[in-house]
């Protein structure tokens, strides 16, 4: 199976093409937990593993059963990465005001906001607030059914966030992994 290159997860991560039969290895000087979805983690109950302390992260690509399953694992990994780092979820009456403050500060320590993820079932008022913000600052807005209504996740540029290695298994099949190498800059906003 091959996942379409227009897949929205590919817009959130650095996409790293790999030669056949190789594992992906990434160094990080950040002392933060990493969230991994790969063939090794799929053997675990929740299908996602957390690495702590290692300077080198090895990702072993796998063949997802479907693009939908791959997307579900990717969004679950983002949500888990936010909660593992013990970030405080922010809550304000106006999402736009909060985002404006963060953008004027330059986003996070790692740079500007790249993408905002919100629920496909979000109310019209909140969608308008977030769409206006994204339009004002040239930020990608992605709507996902896996995100709970009332929650919005803001992510940094892919090079400050994570990677999706893609390995060609055959002309018809590719294998993928997901590595959130920097869990620190994920911001969650609770909409009212």
N, C-alpha and C. Protein backbone atom coordinates (compact mmCIF):
# COMPACT_ATOMS: atom_id res chain seq x y z
N UNK A 1 0.83 -1.18 0.00
CA UNK A 1 0.00 0.00 0.00
C UNK A 1 0.88 1.25 0.00
N UNK A 2 0.45 2.24 -0.73
CA UNK A 2 1.12 3.53 -0.71
C UNK A 2 0.13 4.59 -0.23
N UNK A 3 0.59 5.43 0.66
CA UNK A 3 -0.22 6.54 1.14
C UNK A 3 0.01 7.71 0.18
N UNK A 4 -1.08 8.38 -0.17
CA UNK A 4 -0.98 9.52 -1.09
C UNK A 4 -0.06 10.59 -0.50
N UNK A 5 0.75 11.19 -1.34
CA UNK A 5 1.66 12.23 -0.86
C UNK A 5 0.93 13.51 -0.48
N UNK A 6 -0.35 13.60 -0.81
CA UNK A 6 -1.15 14.75 -0.39
C UNK A 6 -1.70 14.57 1.03
N UNK A 7 -1.38 13.44 1.68
CA UNK A 7 -1.85 13.17 3.03
C UNK A 7 -1.46 14.32 3.96
N UNK A 8 -2.39 14.76 4.79
CA UNK A 8 -2.14 15.92 5.66
C UNK A 8 -1.05 15.67 6.71
N UNK A 9 -0.85 14.43 7.14
CA UNK A 9 0.23 14.18 8.11
C UNK A 9 1.59 14.52 7.51
N UNK A 10 1.74 14.29 6.21
CA UNK A 10 3.02 14.60 5.55
C UNK A 10 3.33 16.09 5.58
N UNK A 11 2.32 16.93 5.80
CA UNK A 11 2.53 18.38 5.85
C UNK A 11 2.96 18.84 7.25
N UNK A 12 2.84 17.94 8.24
CA UNK A 12 3.18 18.28 9.62
C UNK A 12 4.59 17.84 10.02
N UNK A 13 5.12 16.88 9.28
CA UNK A 13 6.41 16.26 9.61
C UNK A 13 7.38 16.42 8.43
N UNK A 14 8.67 16.28 8.72
CA UNK A 14 9.66 16.17 7.67
C UNK A 14 9.49 14.77 7.07
N UNK A 15 9.37 14.68 5.76
CA UNK A 15 9.26 13.40 5.08
C UNK A 15 10.67 13.00 4.62
N UNK A 16 11.11 11.81 5.05
CA UNK A 16 12.47 11.35 4.79
C UNK A 16 12.44 10.04 3.99
N UNK A 17 12.67 10.09 2.67
CA UNK A 17 12.71 8.86 1.87
C UNK A 17 13.94 8.02 2.24
N UNK A 18 13.73 6.72 2.43
CA UNK A 18 14.80 5.81 2.81
C UNK A 18 15.07 4.80 1.70
N UNK A 19 16.31 4.34 1.59
CA UNK A 19 16.59 3.22 0.67
C UNK A 19 15.90 1.95 1.19
N UNK A 20 15.62 0.98 0.31
CA UNK A 20 15.01 -0.27 0.76
C UNK A 20 15.83 -0.95 1.86
N UNK A 21 15.13 -1.62 2.74
CA UNK A 21 15.74 -2.45 3.81
C UNK A 21 16.60 -1.68 4.80
N UNK A 22 16.33 -0.41 5.00
CA UNK A 22 17.10 0.35 5.99
C UNK A 22 16.18 0.86 7.10
N UNK A 23 16.76 1.02 8.27
CA UNK A 23 16.06 1.66 9.39
C UNK A 23 16.40 3.15 9.35
N UNK A 24 15.57 3.94 9.94
CA UNK A 24 15.81 5.38 10.01
C UNK A 24 16.41 5.70 11.38
N UNK A 25 17.45 6.51 11.39
CA UNK A 25 18.10 6.86 12.64
C UNK A 25 18.25 8.38 12.70
N UNK A 26 17.83 8.96 13.84
CA UNK A 26 17.85 10.41 13.98
C UNK A 26 18.48 10.79 15.32
N UNK A 27 19.43 11.71 15.25
CA UNK A 27 20.06 12.21 16.47
C UNK A 27 19.30 13.43 16.97
N UNK A 28 19.30 13.58 18.28
CA UNK A 28 18.67 14.75 18.87
C UNK A 28 19.46 15.17 20.10
N UNK A 29 19.72 16.46 20.21
CA UNK A 29 20.40 16.96 21.40
C UNK A 29 19.40 17.47 22.43
N UNK A 30 18.11 17.29 22.15
CA UNK A 30 17.07 17.72 23.09
C UNK A 30 16.83 16.65 24.15
N UNK A 31 16.71 17.08 25.39
CA UNK A 31 16.44 16.14 26.48
C UNK A 31 14.94 16.14 26.75
N UNK A 32 14.18 15.66 25.76
CA UNK A 32 12.72 15.57 25.88
C UNK A 32 12.29 14.18 25.43
N UNK A 33 11.17 13.70 25.96
CA UNK A 33 10.67 12.40 25.50
C UNK A 33 10.33 12.46 24.00
N UNK A 34 10.48 11.31 23.34
CA UNK A 34 10.11 11.21 21.93
C UNK A 34 8.95 10.22 21.83
N UNK A 35 8.04 10.48 20.91
CA UNK A 35 6.88 9.60 20.71
C UNK A 35 7.06 8.93 19.35
N UNK A 36 7.00 7.60 19.36
CA UNK A 36 7.34 6.81 18.18
C UNK A 36 6.20 5.87 17.79
N UNK A 37 5.91 5.83 16.48
CA UNK A 37 5.02 4.82 15.91
C UNK A 37 5.84 4.12 14.83
N UNK A 38 6.18 2.86 15.07
CA UNK A 38 6.94 2.08 14.09
C UNK A 38 6.62 0.60 14.28
N UNK A 39 7.31 -0.27 13.55
CA UNK A 39 6.99 -1.71 13.63
C UNK A 39 7.22 -2.25 15.04
N UNK A 40 8.18 -1.72 15.76
CA UNK A 40 8.43 -2.16 17.14
C UNK A 40 7.30 -1.71 18.07
N UNK A 41 6.82 -0.49 17.93
CA UNK A 41 5.77 0.02 18.82
C UNK A 41 4.43 -0.66 18.55
N UNK A 42 4.20 -1.13 17.32
CA UNK A 42 2.92 -1.76 16.99
C UNK A 42 2.72 -3.06 17.75
N UNK A 43 3.79 -3.62 18.31
CA UNK A 43 3.69 -4.83 19.12
C UNK A 43 3.19 -4.52 20.53
N UNK A 44 3.20 -3.24 20.93
CA UNK A 44 2.75 -2.84 22.26
C UNK A 44 1.23 -2.64 22.24
N UNK A 45 0.63 -2.62 23.41
CA UNK A 45 -0.83 -2.52 23.53
C UNK A 45 -1.37 -1.26 22.87
N UNK A 46 -0.79 -0.10 23.17
CA UNK A 46 -1.32 1.15 22.62
C UNK A 46 -0.72 1.52 21.28
N UNK A 47 0.19 0.72 20.74
CA UNK A 47 0.80 0.88 19.42
C UNK A 47 1.71 2.11 19.28
N UNK A 48 1.94 2.79 20.37
CA UNK A 48 2.81 3.97 20.37
C UNK A 48 3.78 3.80 21.53
N UNK A 49 5.05 4.12 21.29
CA UNK A 49 6.01 4.00 22.39
C UNK A 49 6.64 5.37 22.68
N UNK A 50 7.12 5.50 23.90
CA UNK A 50 7.76 6.73 24.34
C UNK A 50 9.21 6.40 24.66
N UNK A 51 10.12 7.17 24.10
CA UNK A 51 11.54 7.02 24.39
C UNK A 51 12.00 8.19 25.23
N UNK A 52 12.81 7.89 26.22
CA UNK A 52 13.37 8.96 27.05
C UNK A 52 14.88 8.78 27.13
N UNK A 53 15.60 9.87 27.11
CA UNK A 53 17.02 9.84 27.37
C UNK A 53 17.94 9.46 26.23
N UNK A 54 17.45 8.74 25.24
CA UNK A 54 18.33 8.31 24.15
C UNK A 54 18.70 9.50 23.26
N UNK A 55 19.94 9.56 22.87
CA UNK A 55 20.38 10.62 21.95
C UNK A 55 20.05 10.27 20.51
N UNK A 56 19.91 8.97 20.24
CA UNK A 56 19.69 8.50 18.90
C UNK A 56 18.35 7.75 18.86
N UNK A 57 17.46 8.12 17.97
CA UNK A 57 16.17 7.47 17.84
C UNK A 57 16.17 6.66 16.55
N UNK A 58 15.87 5.38 16.67
CA UNK A 58 15.80 4.50 15.50
C UNK A 58 14.33 4.18 15.25
N UNK A 59 13.90 4.41 14.01
CA UNK A 59 12.53 4.14 13.61
C UNK A 59 12.54 3.00 12.60
N UNK A 60 11.71 1.99 12.84
CA UNK A 60 11.61 0.83 11.96
C UNK A 60 10.28 0.91 11.21
N UNK A 61 10.30 1.31 9.94
CA UNK A 61 9.05 1.48 9.19
C UNK A 61 8.21 0.20 9.11
N UNK A 62 6.90 0.38 8.95
CA UNK A 62 5.93 -0.70 8.89
C UNK A 62 4.95 -0.43 7.75
N UNK A 63 4.19 -1.44 7.40
CA UNK A 63 3.15 -1.29 6.38
C UNK A 63 1.82 -1.10 7.10
N UNK A 64 1.24 0.10 7.05
CA UNK A 64 -0.05 0.31 7.71
C UNK A 64 -1.15 -0.46 6.98
N UNK A 65 -2.18 -0.84 7.73
CA UNK A 65 -3.28 -1.58 7.11
C UNK A 65 -4.11 -0.69 6.19
N UNK A 66 -4.12 0.61 6.49
CA UNK A 66 -4.85 1.56 5.64
C UNK A 66 -4.33 2.97 5.93
N UNK A 67 -4.65 3.89 5.04
CA UNK A 67 -4.27 5.29 5.26
C UNK A 67 -4.99 5.85 6.48
N UNK A 68 -6.23 5.42 6.69
CA UNK A 68 -6.99 5.88 7.85
C UNK A 68 -6.33 5.43 9.16
N UNK A 69 -5.87 4.18 9.21
CA UNK A 69 -5.18 3.69 10.40
C UNK A 69 -3.89 4.47 10.64
N UNK A 70 -3.15 4.75 9.57
CA UNK A 70 -1.92 5.54 9.68
C UNK A 70 -2.23 6.92 10.24
N UNK A 71 -3.28 7.57 9.72
CA UNK A 71 -3.67 8.90 10.21
C UNK A 71 -4.09 8.84 11.68
N UNK A 72 -4.86 7.82 12.05
CA UNK A 72 -5.28 7.68 13.44
C UNK A 72 -4.08 7.57 14.37
N UNK A 73 -3.10 6.76 13.99
CA UNK A 73 -1.89 6.61 14.81
C UNK A 73 -1.12 7.93 14.90
N UNK A 74 -1.05 8.67 13.79
CA UNK A 74 -0.33 9.94 13.79
C UNK A 74 -0.96 10.97 14.71
N UNK A 75 -2.28 11.10 14.64
CA UNK A 75 -2.97 12.08 15.51
C UNK A 75 -2.91 11.63 16.97
N UNK A 76 -3.08 10.33 17.23
CA UNK A 76 -2.94 9.82 18.60
C UNK A 76 -1.54 10.13 19.15
N UNK A 77 -0.53 9.99 18.31
CA UNK A 77 0.85 10.28 18.74
C UNK A 77 1.00 11.76 19.09
N UNK A 78 0.41 12.66 18.30
CA UNK A 78 0.49 14.10 18.59
C UNK A 78 -0.20 14.41 19.92
N UNK A 79 -1.37 13.85 20.13
CA UNK A 79 -2.11 14.09 21.38
C UNK A 79 -1.33 13.53 22.57
N UNK A 80 -0.78 12.33 22.42
CA UNK A 80 0.03 11.73 23.49
C UNK A 80 1.28 12.56 23.75
N UNK A 81 1.93 13.02 22.70
CA UNK A 81 3.15 13.84 22.86
C UNK A 81 2.85 15.09 23.68
N UNK A 82 1.72 15.71 23.45
CA UNK A 82 1.34 16.89 24.23
C UNK A 82 1.17 16.52 25.70
N UNK A 83 0.49 15.43 25.99
CA UNK A 83 0.20 15.06 27.38
C UNK A 83 1.43 14.53 28.11
N UNK A 84 2.33 13.86 27.42
CA UNK A 84 3.53 13.30 28.05
C UNK A 84 4.44 14.39 28.58
N UNK A 85 4.56 15.48 27.85
CA UNK A 85 5.47 16.54 28.25
C UNK A 85 4.90 17.39 29.39
N UNK A 86 3.72 17.08 29.82
CA UNK A 86 3.06 17.78 30.94
C UNK A 86 2.82 19.25 30.62
N UNK A 87 2.51 19.53 29.37
CA UNK A 87 2.16 20.90 29.01
C UNK A 87 0.85 21.27 29.68
N UNK A 88 0.74 22.49 30.01
CA UNK A 88 -0.50 23.01 30.53
C UNK A 88 -1.38 23.37 29.34
N UNK A 89 -2.62 22.89 29.33
CA UNK A 89 -3.55 23.29 28.28
C UNK A 89 -4.04 24.69 28.62
N UNK A 90 -4.03 25.53 27.63
CA UNK A 90 -4.46 26.91 27.85
C UNK A 90 -5.95 27.05 27.59
N UNK A 91 -6.59 27.96 28.26
CA UNK A 91 -8.01 28.17 28.05
C UNK A 91 -8.30 29.66 28.12
N UNK A 92 -8.85 30.18 27.06
CA UNK A 92 -9.27 31.58 27.01
C UNK A 92 -10.57 31.66 26.23
N UNK A 93 -11.34 32.69 26.48
CA UNK A 93 -12.59 32.87 25.75
C UNK A 93 -12.36 33.08 24.27
N UNK A 94 -11.26 33.69 23.91
CA UNK A 94 -11.00 33.95 22.50
C UNK A 94 -9.72 33.25 22.07
N UNK A 95 -9.86 32.24 21.22
CA UNK A 95 -8.68 31.53 20.71
C UNK A 95 -7.80 32.48 19.92
N UNK A 96 -8.41 33.41 19.19
CA UNK A 96 -7.64 34.34 18.37
C UNK A 96 -6.72 35.21 19.23
N UNK A 97 -7.21 35.68 20.36
CA UNK A 97 -6.39 36.51 21.25
C UNK A 97 -5.17 35.71 21.72
N UNK A 98 -5.39 34.48 22.13
CA UNK A 98 -4.29 33.65 22.61
C UNK A 98 -3.27 33.42 21.49
N UNK A 99 -3.76 33.04 20.31
CA UNK A 99 -2.85 32.78 19.21
C UNK A 99 -2.10 34.05 18.82
N UNK A 100 -2.78 35.19 18.81
CA UNK A 100 -2.11 36.45 18.49
C UNK A 100 -0.94 36.69 19.43
N UNK A 101 -1.15 36.43 20.73
CA UNK A 101 -0.08 36.64 21.70
C UNK A 101 1.11 35.73 21.39
N UNK A 102 0.85 34.48 21.07
CA UNK A 102 1.94 33.54 20.78
C UNK A 102 2.65 33.88 19.49
N UNK A 103 1.92 34.29 18.47
CA UNK A 103 2.55 34.63 17.20
C UNK A 103 3.42 35.87 17.35
N UNK A 104 2.95 36.87 18.10
CA UNK A 104 3.74 38.08 18.30
C UNK A 104 5.02 37.80 19.07
N UNK A 105 4.99 36.75 19.92
CA UNK A 105 6.22 36.35 20.62
C UNK A 105 7.11 35.51 19.71
N UNK A 106 6.65 35.22 18.50
CA UNK A 106 7.44 34.38 17.59
C UNK A 106 7.13 32.91 17.76
N UNK A 107 5.96 32.59 18.31
CA UNK A 107 5.61 31.19 18.52
C UNK A 107 6.27 30.70 19.79
N UNK A 108 7.08 29.68 19.66
CA UNK A 108 7.78 29.11 20.80
C UNK A 108 9.26 29.39 20.66
N UNK A 109 10.03 28.79 21.54
CA UNK A 109 11.48 28.91 21.45
C UNK A 109 12.00 28.42 20.11
N UNK A 110 11.27 27.52 19.47
CA UNK A 110 11.76 26.90 18.23
C UNK A 110 11.28 27.61 16.98
N UNK A 111 10.45 28.61 17.09
CA UNK A 111 10.01 29.31 15.89
C UNK A 111 8.51 29.43 15.81
N UNK A 112 8.03 29.84 14.65
CA UNK A 112 6.61 30.16 14.49
C UNK A 112 5.72 28.93 14.42
N UNK A 113 4.44 29.16 14.56
CA UNK A 113 3.43 28.12 14.42
C UNK A 113 3.32 27.75 12.94
N UNK A 114 3.34 26.46 12.64
CA UNK A 114 3.23 25.97 11.27
C UNK A 114 1.82 25.52 10.92
N UNK A 115 1.19 24.79 11.86
CA UNK A 115 -0.11 24.21 11.57
C UNK A 115 -0.96 24.21 12.83
N UNK A 116 -2.27 24.31 12.61
CA UNK A 116 -3.24 24.24 13.68
C UNK A 116 -4.19 23.09 13.33
N UNK A 117 -4.41 22.20 14.30
CA UNK A 117 -5.30 21.06 14.12
C UNK A 117 -6.53 21.23 14.99
N UNK A 118 -7.71 21.00 14.40
CA UNK A 118 -8.93 21.08 15.19
C UNK A 118 -9.93 20.04 14.71
N UNK A 119 -11.00 19.86 15.46
CA UNK A 119 -12.00 18.85 15.18
C UNK A 119 -12.84 19.20 13.96
N UNK A 120 -13.18 18.16 13.20
CA UNK A 120 -14.12 18.35 12.08
C UNK A 120 -15.51 18.68 12.60
N UNK A 121 -15.80 18.36 13.85
CA UNK A 121 -17.12 18.61 14.43
C UNK A 121 -17.18 19.92 15.23
N UNK A 122 -16.18 20.76 15.11
CA UNK A 122 -16.12 21.99 15.90
C UNK A 122 -17.26 22.94 15.51
N UNK A 123 -17.71 23.72 16.47
CA UNK A 123 -18.78 24.69 16.23
C UNK A 123 -18.35 25.79 15.27
N UNK A 124 -19.32 26.36 14.58
CA UNK A 124 -19.07 27.37 13.55
C UNK A 124 -18.30 28.58 14.08
N UNK A 125 -18.65 29.08 15.26
CA UNK A 125 -17.98 30.26 15.82
C UNK A 125 -16.49 30.00 16.03
N UNK A 126 -16.15 28.85 16.65
CA UNK A 126 -14.75 28.53 16.89
C UNK A 126 -13.98 28.28 15.59
N UNK A 127 -14.63 27.64 14.63
CA UNK A 127 -13.97 27.41 13.34
C UNK A 127 -13.64 28.74 12.69
N UNK A 128 -14.57 29.69 12.74
CA UNK A 128 -14.32 31.01 12.16
C UNK A 128 -13.15 31.70 12.85
N UNK A 129 -13.12 31.67 14.19
CA UNK A 129 -12.01 32.28 14.93
C UNK A 129 -10.66 31.70 14.48
N UNK A 130 -10.59 30.39 14.42
CA UNK A 130 -9.33 29.74 14.09
C UNK A 130 -8.98 29.93 12.62
N UNK A 131 -9.97 29.87 11.73
CA UNK A 131 -9.71 30.12 10.30
C UNK A 131 -9.19 31.53 10.08
N UNK A 132 -9.79 32.51 10.76
CA UNK A 132 -9.34 33.90 10.62
C UNK A 132 -7.89 34.03 11.09
N UNK A 133 -7.58 33.42 12.23
CA UNK A 133 -6.21 33.46 12.74
C UNK A 133 -5.24 32.86 11.72
N UNK A 134 -5.58 31.67 11.22
CA UNK A 134 -4.69 30.99 10.27
C UNK A 134 -4.52 31.83 9.01
N UNK A 135 -5.58 32.43 8.54
CA UNK A 135 -5.52 33.28 7.35
C UNK A 135 -4.63 34.50 7.59
N UNK A 136 -4.78 35.12 8.75
CA UNK A 136 -4.00 36.32 9.09
C UNK A 136 -2.50 36.04 9.12
N UNK A 137 -2.11 34.84 9.55
CA UNK A 137 -0.69 34.54 9.75
C UNK A 137 -0.12 33.52 8.78
N UNK A 138 -0.91 33.10 7.80
CA UNK A 138 -0.41 32.14 6.81
C UNK A 138 -0.12 30.77 7.40
N UNK A 139 -0.96 30.35 8.33
CA UNK A 139 -0.78 29.07 9.01
C UNK A 139 -1.76 28.06 8.44
N UNK A 140 -1.29 26.82 8.28
CA UNK A 140 -2.15 25.76 7.76
C UNK A 140 -3.16 25.34 8.82
N UNK A 141 -4.41 25.23 8.42
CA UNK A 141 -5.46 24.70 9.30
C UNK A 141 -5.83 23.32 8.78
N UNK A 142 -5.82 22.34 9.67
CA UNK A 142 -6.22 20.99 9.31
C UNK A 142 -7.35 20.56 10.24
N UNK A 143 -8.39 20.00 9.64
CA UNK A 143 -9.54 19.49 10.39
C UNK A 143 -9.41 17.97 10.45
N UNK A 144 -9.49 17.42 11.66
CA UNK A 144 -9.32 15.98 11.87
C UNK A 144 -10.48 15.44 12.71
N UNK A 145 -11.05 14.29 12.34
CA UNK A 145 -12.13 13.70 13.15
C UNK A 145 -11.61 13.17 14.49
N UNK A 146 -10.30 12.91 14.60
CA UNK A 146 -9.74 12.35 15.83
C UNK A 146 -9.56 13.39 16.94
N UNK A 147 -9.59 14.66 16.59
CA UNK A 147 -9.43 15.73 17.60
C UNK A 147 -10.79 15.96 18.26
N UNK A 148 -10.80 16.07 19.58
CA UNK A 148 -12.05 16.33 20.30
C UNK A 148 -12.52 17.75 20.04
N UNK A 149 -13.83 17.91 19.95
CA UNK A 149 -14.41 19.24 19.82
C UNK A 149 -14.01 20.06 21.04
N UNK A 150 -13.65 21.32 20.82
CA UNK A 150 -13.24 22.21 21.90
C UNK A 150 -11.74 22.23 22.12
N UNK A 151 -10.99 21.37 21.40
CA UNK A 151 -9.53 21.34 21.53
C UNK A 151 -8.88 21.74 20.21
N UNK A 152 -7.81 22.48 20.31
CA UNK A 152 -7.02 22.88 19.14
C UNK A 152 -5.56 22.64 19.49
N UNK A 153 -4.82 22.05 18.56
CA UNK A 153 -3.39 21.82 18.75
C UNK A 153 -2.62 22.66 17.74
N UNK A 154 -1.63 23.39 18.22
CA UNK A 154 -0.77 24.19 17.35
C UNK A 154 0.61 23.54 17.35
N UNK A 155 1.17 23.39 16.14
CA UNK A 155 2.45 22.69 15.97
C UNK A 155 3.47 23.60 15.31
N UNK A 156 4.76 23.37 15.59
CA UNK A 156 5.82 24.16 14.98
C UNK A 156 6.13 23.67 13.56
N UNK A 157 7.09 24.32 12.92
CA UNK A 157 7.55 23.86 11.61
C UNK A 157 8.04 22.42 11.72
N UNK A 158 7.87 21.62 10.65
CA UNK A 158 8.25 20.20 10.70
C UNK A 158 9.68 19.94 11.17
N UNK A 159 10.63 20.76 10.76
CA UNK A 159 12.03 20.49 11.15
C UNK A 159 12.26 20.67 12.65
N UNK A 160 11.34 21.30 13.35
CA UNK A 160 11.44 21.44 14.81
C UNK A 160 10.50 20.50 15.54
N UNK A 161 9.93 19.54 14.81
CA UNK A 161 8.87 18.70 15.38
C UNK A 161 9.16 17.22 15.23
N UNK A 162 9.13 16.73 13.99
CA UNK A 162 9.28 15.29 13.83
C UNK A 162 9.46 14.86 12.39
N UNK A 163 9.45 13.54 12.21
CA UNK A 163 9.80 12.98 10.91
C UNK A 163 8.90 11.78 10.58
N UNK A 164 8.62 11.62 9.30
CA UNK A 164 7.99 10.42 8.78
C UNK A 164 8.94 9.83 7.74
N UNK A 165 9.69 8.79 8.13
CA UNK A 165 10.52 8.12 7.13
C UNK A 165 9.64 7.23 6.24
N UNK A 166 9.94 7.20 4.96
CA UNK A 166 9.21 6.38 4.00
C UNK A 166 10.21 5.47 3.30
N UNK A 167 9.96 4.17 3.40
CA UNK A 167 10.86 3.19 2.79
C UNK A 167 10.08 2.42 1.73
N UNK A 168 10.63 2.31 0.53
CA UNK A 168 10.00 1.55 -0.54
C UNK A 168 10.23 0.06 -0.29
N UNK A 169 9.12 -0.68 -0.16
CA UNK A 169 9.21 -2.13 0.05
C UNK A 169 9.12 -2.87 -1.29
N UNK A 170 8.32 -2.33 -2.21
CA UNK A 170 8.17 -2.87 -3.56
C UNK A 170 7.61 -1.73 -4.41
N UNK A 171 7.50 -1.91 -5.72
CA UNK A 171 6.93 -0.82 -6.54
C UNK A 171 5.51 -0.41 -6.12
N UNK A 172 4.77 -1.33 -5.50
CA UNK A 172 3.40 -1.02 -5.08
C UNK A 172 3.27 -0.70 -3.59
N UNK A 173 4.31 -0.96 -2.82
CA UNK A 173 4.20 -0.83 -1.37
C UNK A 173 5.30 0.04 -0.78
N UNK A 174 4.88 0.85 0.20
CA UNK A 174 5.83 1.64 0.99
C UNK A 174 5.58 1.35 2.46
N UNK A 175 6.62 1.57 3.25
CA UNK A 175 6.52 1.40 4.69
C UNK A 175 6.82 2.74 5.35
N UNK A 176 6.19 2.98 6.50
CA UNK A 176 6.24 4.29 7.14
C UNK A 176 6.50 4.14 8.63
N UNK A 177 6.99 5.18 9.23
CA UNK A 177 7.09 5.31 10.68
C UNK A 177 6.80 6.77 11.00
N UNK A 178 6.51 7.04 12.25
CA UNK A 178 6.25 8.41 12.70
C UNK A 178 7.10 8.64 13.94
N UNK A 179 7.89 9.70 13.93
CA UNK A 179 8.71 10.03 15.09
C UNK A 179 8.53 11.49 15.47
N UNK A 180 7.94 11.72 16.63
CA UNK A 180 7.87 13.09 17.17
C UNK A 180 9.11 13.24 18.03
N UNK A 181 10.12 13.87 17.45
CA UNK A 181 11.43 13.97 18.08
C UNK A 181 11.45 15.09 19.13
N UNK A 182 10.67 16.14 18.90
CA UNK A 182 10.60 17.26 19.84
C UNK A 182 9.16 17.43 20.31
N UNK A 183 8.86 16.90 21.49
CA UNK A 183 7.50 16.97 22.03
C UNK A 183 7.22 18.30 22.74
N UNK A 184 8.25 19.08 22.95
CA UNK A 184 8.11 20.29 23.76
C UNK A 184 7.20 21.38 23.14
N UNK A 185 7.26 21.65 21.84
CA UNK A 185 6.56 22.84 21.34
C UNK A 185 5.09 22.65 20.96
N UNK A 186 4.47 21.54 21.32
CA UNK A 186 3.05 21.35 20.99
C UNK A 186 2.22 22.17 21.97
N UNK A 187 1.36 23.03 21.43
CA UNK A 187 0.50 23.85 22.28
C UNK A 187 -0.94 23.41 22.10
N UNK A 188 -1.65 23.24 23.19
CA UNK A 188 -3.06 22.88 23.16
C UNK A 188 -3.87 24.04 23.71
N UNK A 189 -4.93 24.38 22.98
CA UNK A 189 -5.82 25.45 23.43
C UNK A 189 -7.22 24.85 23.60
N UNK A 190 -7.84 25.15 24.72
CA UNK A 190 -9.22 24.72 24.96
C UNK A 190 -10.13 25.88 24.55
N UNK A 191 -11.00 25.62 23.60
CA UNK A 191 -11.92 26.66 23.13
C UNK A 191 -13.15 26.69 24.03
N UNK A 192 -13.71 27.88 24.19
CA UNK A 192 -14.92 27.96 25.01
C UNK A 192 -16.12 28.18 24.14
